[in-house]
């Protein structure tokens, strides 16, 4: 069975291993869980499912992202990455994991919500420690969220950085303010 089938009743729904996508309402369901995506995010996920199990090139995803609209100017290179991040956040609960294939594009993988959580932890937690330290932008973001009254745990969950890294930044910041 192919990863992509067209619904015989409405000829518009796309179905993949255990996933049902409704482009009319922007709904994606798997098992008993349903998420709603914005139109751009939905088109990206739909293109990734169409390409399953292969990686979908960035150029194809940019075309899917733009849809039928003609932009006044071409989107920046990171625009696609931002949209993919939004799709990842929505689809983690469904167990849909979007992998980055360096030099190629992105690929969708089907698993459980727990698998997606582990992948997210690897992507955002372990990578931060592998680099050795967070970058200046991460420090500024953590400081801004702390100033808004968010706890270390809330910040960690919001920006997908390990709690221990957030606590270290906040401790360093409070030490600097105390001296």
C-alpha atoms as a PDB file:
ATOM      1  CA  UNK A   1       0.000   0.000   0.000  1.00  0.00           C
ATOM      2  CA  UNK A   2       1.356   3.415  -0.865  1.00  0.00           C
ATOM      3  CA  UNK A   3       1.711   6.092   1.781  1.00  0.00           C
ATOM      4  CA  UNK A   4      -0.675   8.346  -0.105  1.00  0.00           C
ATOM      5  CA  UNK A   5      -4.264   7.594  -1.003  1.00  0.00           C
ATOM      6  CA  UNK A   6      -7.124   9.838  -2.004  1.00  0.00           C
ATOM      7  CA  UNK A   7     -10.400   9.598  -0.144  1.00  0.00           C
ATOM      8  CA  UNK A   8     -13.000   7.992  -2.449  1.00  0.00           C
ATOM      9  CA  UNK A   9     -15.876  10.057  -1.029  1.00  0.00           C
ATOM     10  CA  UNK A  10     -14.447  13.567  -1.274  1.00  0.00           C
ATOM     11  CA  UNK A  11     -11.274  13.008  -3.356  1.00  0.00           C
ATOM     12  CA  UNK A  12      -9.359  15.390  -1.113  1.00  0.00           C
ATOM     13  CA  UNK A  13      -8.247  13.662   2.086  1.00  0.00           C
ATOM     14  CA  UNK A  14      -4.732  12.260   2.194  1.00  0.00           C
ATOM     15  CA  UNK A  15      -4.088   9.126   4.221  1.00  0.00           C
ATOM     16  CA  UNK A  16      -0.719   7.775   5.360  1.00  0.00           C
ATOM     17  CA  UNK A  17       0.103   4.970   7.829  1.00  0.00           C
ATOM     18  CA  UNK A  18      -2.550   5.668  10.436  1.00  0.00           C
ATOM     19  CA  UNK A  19      -2.797   9.377   9.529  1.00  0.00           C
ATOM     20  CA  UNK A  20      -5.783  11.134   8.046  1.00  0.00           C
ATOM     21  CA  UNK A  21      -5.372  14.674   6.735  1.00  0.00           C
ATOM     22  CA  UNK A  22      -8.345  16.861   5.862  1.00  0.00           C
ATOM     23  CA  UNK A  23      -7.198  19.821   3.721  1.00  0.00           C
ATOM     24  CA  UNK A  24     -10.592  21.524   3.857  1.00  0.00           C
ATOM     25  CA  UNK A  25     -10.486  21.979   7.639  1.00  0.00           C
ATOM     26  CA  UNK A  26      -6.706  21.706   8.099  1.00  0.00           C
ATOM     27  CA  UNK A  27      -7.109  18.773  10.480  1.00  0.00           C
ATOM     28  CA  UNK A  28      -4.626  15.954  10.920  1.00  0.00           C
ATOM     29  CA  UNK A  29      -5.592  12.920  12.977  1.00  0.00           C
ATOM     30  CA  UNK A  30      -3.836   9.759  14.038  1.00  0.00           C
ATOM     31  CA  UNK A  31      -5.416   7.278  16.371  1.00  0.00           C
ATOM     32  CA  UNK A  32      -7.634   9.246  18.726  1.00  0.00           C
ATOM     33  CA  UNK A  33      -5.628  12.492  18.550  1.00  0.00           C
ATOM     34  CA  UNK A  34      -6.413  15.430  16.288  1.00  0.00           C
ATOM     35  CA  UNK A  35      -4.481  18.641  15.615  1.00  0.00           C
ATOM     36  CA  UNK A  36      -5.375  21.614  13.485  1.00  0.00           C
ATOM     37  CA  UNK A  37      -2.705  23.219  11.322  1.00  0.00           C
ATOM     38  CA  UNK A  38      -2.537  26.560   9.603  1.00  0.00           C
ATOM     39  CA  UNK A  39      -2.805  26.345   5.807  1.00  0.00           C
ATOM     40  CA  UNK A  40       0.952  26.718   5.191  1.00  0.00           C
ATOM     41  CA  UNK A  41       1.818  24.145   7.845  1.00  0.00           C
ATOM     42  CA  UNK A  42      -0.801  21.786   6.447  1.00  0.00           C
ATOM     43  CA  UNK A  43       0.613  22.041   2.900  1.00  0.00           C
ATOM     44  CA  UNK A  44       4.103  21.288   4.210  1.00  0.00           C
ATOM     45  CA  UNK A  45       2.954  18.238   6.159  1.00  0.00           C
ATOM     46  CA  UNK A  46       0.888  17.029   3.219  1.00  0.00           C
ATOM     47  CA  UNK A  47       3.945  17.275   0.940  1.00  0.00           C
ATOM     48  CA  UNK A  48       6.077  15.396   3.484  1.00  0.00           C
ATOM     49  CA  UNK A  49       3.475  12.623   3.671  1.00  0.00           C
ATOM     50  CA  UNK A  50       3.315  12.456  -0.132  1.00  0.00           C
ATOM     51  CA  UNK A  51       7.086  11.960  -0.162  1.00  0.00           C
ATOM     52  CA  UNK A  52       7.077   9.278   2.542  1.00  0.00           C
ATOM     53  CA  UNK A  53       9.360   7.368   3.122  1.00  0.00           C
ATOM     54  CA  UNK A  54      11.871   9.450   1.156  1.00  0.00           C
ATOM     55  CA  UNK A  55      13.211  12.848   2.078  1.00  0.00           C
ATOM     56  CA  UNK A  56      11.507  15.781   0.384  1.00  0.00           C
ATOM     57  CA  UNK A  57      13.913  18.370  -1.065  1.00  0.00           C
ATOM     58  CA  UNK A  58      13.805  21.884   0.356  1.00  0.00           C
ATOM     59  CA  UNK A  59      12.861  23.291  -3.059  1.00  0.00           C
ATOM     60  CA  UNK A  60       9.741  21.108  -3.169  1.00  0.00           C
ATOM     61  CA  UNK A  61       8.802  22.168   0.342  1.00  0.00           C
ATOM     62  CA  UNK A  62       9.267  25.846  -0.538  1.00  0.00           C
ATOM     63  CA  UNK A  63       6.907  25.343  -3.478  1.00  0.00           C
ATOM     64  CA  UNK A  64       4.379  23.659  -1.173  1.00  0.00           C
ATOM     65  CA  UNK A  65       4.830  26.418   1.408  1.00  0.00           C
ATOM     66  CA  UNK A  66       4.015  29.156  -1.103  1.00  0.00           C
ATOM     67  CA  UNK A  67       0.970  27.299  -2.430  1.00  0.00           C
ATOM     68  CA  UNK A  68      -0.883  29.110  -5.169  1.00  0.00           C
ATOM     69  CA  UNK A  69       0.159  32.562  -4.017  1.00  0.00           C
ATOM     70  CA  UNK A  70       2.841  34.574  -5.725  1.00  0.00           C
ATOM     71  CA  UNK A  71       4.889  36.367  -3.074  1.00  0.00           C
ATOM     72  CA  UNK A  72       6.040  39.921  -3.667  1.00  0.00           C
ATOM     73  CA  UNK A  73       9.513  38.752  -2.747  1.00  0.00           C
ATOM     74  CA  UNK A  74      11.034  35.332  -2.195  1.00  0.00           C
ATOM     75  CA  UNK A  75      10.969  34.150   1.417  1.00  0.00           C
ATOM     76  CA  UNK A  76      14.211  34.059   3.361  1.00  0.00           C
ATOM     77  CA  UNK A  77      16.053  30.751   3.673  1.00  0.00           C
ATOM     78  CA  UNK A  78      15.069  30.300   7.331  1.00  0.00           C
ATOM     79  CA  UNK A  79      11.344  30.804   6.661  1.00  0.00           C
ATOM     80  CA  UNK A  80      10.932  27.155   5.715  1.00  0.00           C
ATOM     81  CA  UNK A  81      12.790  26.062   8.861  1.00  0.00           C
ATOM     82  CA  UNK A  82      10.462  28.168  11.022  1.00  0.00           C
ATOM     83  CA  UNK A  83       7.372  26.634   9.430  1.00  0.00           C
ATOM     84  CA  UNK A  84       8.821  23.127   9.838  1.00  0.00           C
ATOM     85  CA  UNK A  85       9.369  23.904  13.532  1.00  0.00           C
ATOM     86  CA  UNK A  86       5.685  24.829  13.844  1.00  0.00           C
ATOM     87  CA  UNK A  87       4.653  21.608  12.090  1.00  0.00           C
ATOM     88  CA  UNK A  88       6.916  19.610  14.425  1.00  0.00           C
ATOM     89  CA  UNK A  89       5.360  21.155  17.515  1.00  0.00           C
ATOM     90  CA  UNK A  90       1.844  20.366  16.347  1.00  0.00           C
ATOM     91  CA  UNK A  91       2.599  16.852  15.135  1.00  0.00           C
ATOM     92  CA  UNK A  92       4.673  15.591  18.078  1.00  0.00           C
ATOM     93  CA  UNK A  93       1.469  14.644  19.913  1.00  0.00           C
ATOM     94  CA  UNK A  94       0.488  12.493  16.941  1.00  0.00           C
ATOM     95  CA  UNK A  95       3.814  10.666  16.902  1.00  0.00           C
ATOM     96  CA  UNK A  96       4.735  12.202  13.548  1.00  0.00           C
ATOM     97  CA  UNK A  97       8.396  13.066  13.557  1.00  0.00           C
ATOM     98  CA  UNK A  98       9.984  15.309  10.980  1.00  0.00           C
ATOM     99  CA  UNK A  99      13.654  14.584  10.507  1.00  0.00           C
ATOM    100  CA  UNK A 100      16.153  16.980   9.016  1.00  0.00           C
ATOM    101  CA  UNK A 101      18.159  15.340   6.263  1.00  0.00           C
ATOM    102  CA  UNK A 102      21.192  17.588   5.910  1.00  0.00           C
ATOM    103  CA  UNK A 103      21.886  18.646   2.366  1.00  0.00           C
ATOM    104  CA  UNK A 104      18.568  17.205   1.166  1.00  0.00           C
ATOM    105  CA  UNK A 105      15.501  18.426   3.020  1.00  0.00           C
ATOM    106  CA  UNK A 106      13.094  16.848   5.464  1.00  0.00           C
ATOM    107  CA  UNK A 107      11.405  13.469   5.887  1.00  0.00           C
ATOM    108  CA  UNK A 108       8.445  12.367   7.970  1.00  0.00           C
ATOM    109  CA  UNK A 109       8.676   9.312  10.202  1.00  0.00           C
ATOM    110  CA  UNK A 110       5.821   7.588  11.970  1.00  0.00           C
ATOM    111  CA  UNK A 111       6.117   6.512  15.598  1.00  0.00           C
ATOM    112  CA  UNK A 112       4.452   7.212  18.920  1.00  0.00           C
ATOM    113  CA  UNK A 113       4.091  10.436  20.868  1.00  0.00           C
ATOM    114  CA  UNK A 114       6.784   9.088  23.228  1.00  0.00           C
ATOM    115  CA  UNK A 115       9.143   8.581  20.261  1.00  0.00           C
ATOM    116  CA  UNK A 116       8.494  12.168  19.198  1.00  0.00           C
ATOM    117  CA  UNK A 117       9.252  13.415  22.719  1.00  0.00           C
ATOM    118  CA  UNK A 118      12.587  11.562  22.727  1.00  0.00           C
ATOM    119  CA  UNK A 119      13.465  12.955  19.298  1.00  0.00           C
ATOM    120  CA  UNK A 120      12.536  16.462  20.466  1.00  0.00           C
ATOM    121  CA  UNK A 121      14.720  16.012  23.557  1.00  0.00           C
ATOM    122  CA  UNK A 122      17.626  14.927  21.351  1.00  0.00           C
ATOM    123  CA  UNK A 123      17.070  17.781  18.925  1.00  0.00           C
ATOM    124  CA  UNK A 124      16.824  20.552  21.508  1.00  0.00           C
ATOM    125  CA  UNK A 125      18.452  19.227  24.658  1.00  0.00           C
ATOM    126  CA  UNK A 126      21.432  17.107  23.735  1.00  0.00           C
ATOM    127  CA  UNK A 127      22.421  19.362  20.849  1.00  0.00           C
ATOM    128  CA  UNK A 128      22.717  22.328  23.234  1.00  0.00           C
ATOM    129  CA  UNK A 129      25.185  20.403  25.400  1.00  0.00           C
ATOM    130  CA  UNK A 130      27.050  18.991  22.401  1.00  0.00           C
ATOM    131  CA  UNK A 131      27.826  22.574  21.351  1.00  0.00           C
ATOM    132  CA  UNK A 132      29.243  23.165  24.816  1.00  0.00           C
ATOM    133  CA  UNK A 133      27.138  26.219  25.569  1.00  0.00           C
ATOM    134  CA  UNK A 134      24.051  28.095  24.546  1.00  0.00           C
ATOM    135  CA  UNK A 135      24.515  30.971  22.150  1.00  0.00           C
ATOM    136  CA  UNK A 136      23.925  34.644  22.965  1.00  0.00           C
ATOM    137  CA  UNK A 137      20.433  34.582  21.473  1.00  0.00           C
ATOM    138  CA  UNK A 138      19.451  31.730  23.795  1.00  0.00           C
ATOM    139  CA  UNK A 139      20.715  33.670  26.819  1.00  0.00           C
ATOM    140  CA  UNK A 140      18.784  36.781  25.750  1.00  0.00           C
ATOM    141  CA  UNK A 141      15.596  34.804  25.184  1.00  0.00           C
ATOM    142  CA  UNK A 142      15.864  33.096  28.586  1.00  0.00           C
ATOM    143  CA  UNK A 143      16.488  36.461  30.279  1.00  0.00           C
ATOM    144  CA  UNK A 144      13.507  38.057  28.539  1.00  0.00           C
ATOM    145  CA  UNK A 145      11.151  35.222  29.514  1.00  0.00           C
ATOM    146  CA  UNK A 146      12.434  35.266  33.108  1.00  0.00           C
ATOM    147  CA  UNK A 147      11.805  39.028  33.253  1.00  0.00           C
ATOM    148  CA  UNK A 148       8.210  38.312  32.224  1.00  0.00           C
ATOM    149  CA  UNK A 149       7.869  36.115  35.312  1.00  0.00           C
ATOM    150  CA  UNK A 150       8.147  32.662  33.773  1.00  0.00           C
ATOM    151  CA  UNK A 151       9.734  29.937  35.898  1.00  0.00           C
ATOM    152  CA  UNK A 152      12.750  27.966  34.706  1.00  0.00           C
ATOM    153  CA  UNK A 153      10.481  24.993  33.964  1.00  0.00           C
ATOM    154  CA  UNK A 154       8.070  27.131  31.912  1.00  0.00           C
ATOM    155  CA  UNK A 155      10.969  28.630  29.953  1.00  0.00           C
ATOM    156  CA  UNK A 156      12.440  25.187  29.342  1.00  0.00           C
ATOM    157  CA  UNK A 157       9.146  23.903  27.956  1.00  0.00           C
ATOM    158  CA  UNK A 158       8.500  27.019  25.896  1.00  0.00           C
ATOM    159  CA  UNK A 159      11.864  27.181  24.082  1.00  0.00           C
ATOM    160  CA  UNK A 160      12.794  23.470  24.122  1.00  0.00           C
ATOM    161  CA  UNK A 161      16.050  23.889  26.040  1.00  0.00           C
ATOM    162  CA  UNK A 162      16.978  21.478  28.811  1.00  0.00           C
ATOM    163  CA  UNK A 163      15.853  22.623  32.248  1.00  0.00           C
ATOM    164  CA  UNK A 164      19.391  22.312  33.636  1.00  0.00           C
ATOM    165  CA  UNK A 165      20.695  24.670  30.919  1.00  0.00           C
ATOM    166  CA  UNK A 166      17.952  27.224  31.655  1.00  0.00           C
ATOM    167  CA  UNK A 167      18.669  27.027  35.406  1.00  0.00           C
ATOM    168  CA  UNK A 168      22.396  27.533  34.750  1.00  0.00           C
ATOM    169  CA  UNK A 169      21.726  30.646  32.657  1.00  0.00           C
ATOM    170  CA  UNK A 170      19.377  32.062  35.287  1.00  0.00           C
ATOM    171  CA  UNK A 171      21.877  31.354  38.096  1.00  0.00           C
ATOM    172  CA  UNK A 172      24.684  33.005  36.108  1.00  0.00           C
ATOM    173  CA  UNK A 173      22.435  35.988  35.444  1.00  0.00           C
ATOM    174  CA  UNK A 174      21.444  36.377  39.113  1.00  0.00           C
ATOM    175  CA  UNK A 175      25.139  36.124  40.143  1.00  0.00           C
ATOM    176  CA  UNK A 176      26.003  38.913  37.706  1.00  0.00           C
ATOM    177  CA  UNK A 177      23.159  41.076  39.018  1.00  0.00           C
ATOM    178  CA  UNK A 178      24.165  40.415  42.655  1.00  0.00           C
ATOM    179  CA  UNK A 179      27.761  41.512  42.109  1.00  0.00           C
END
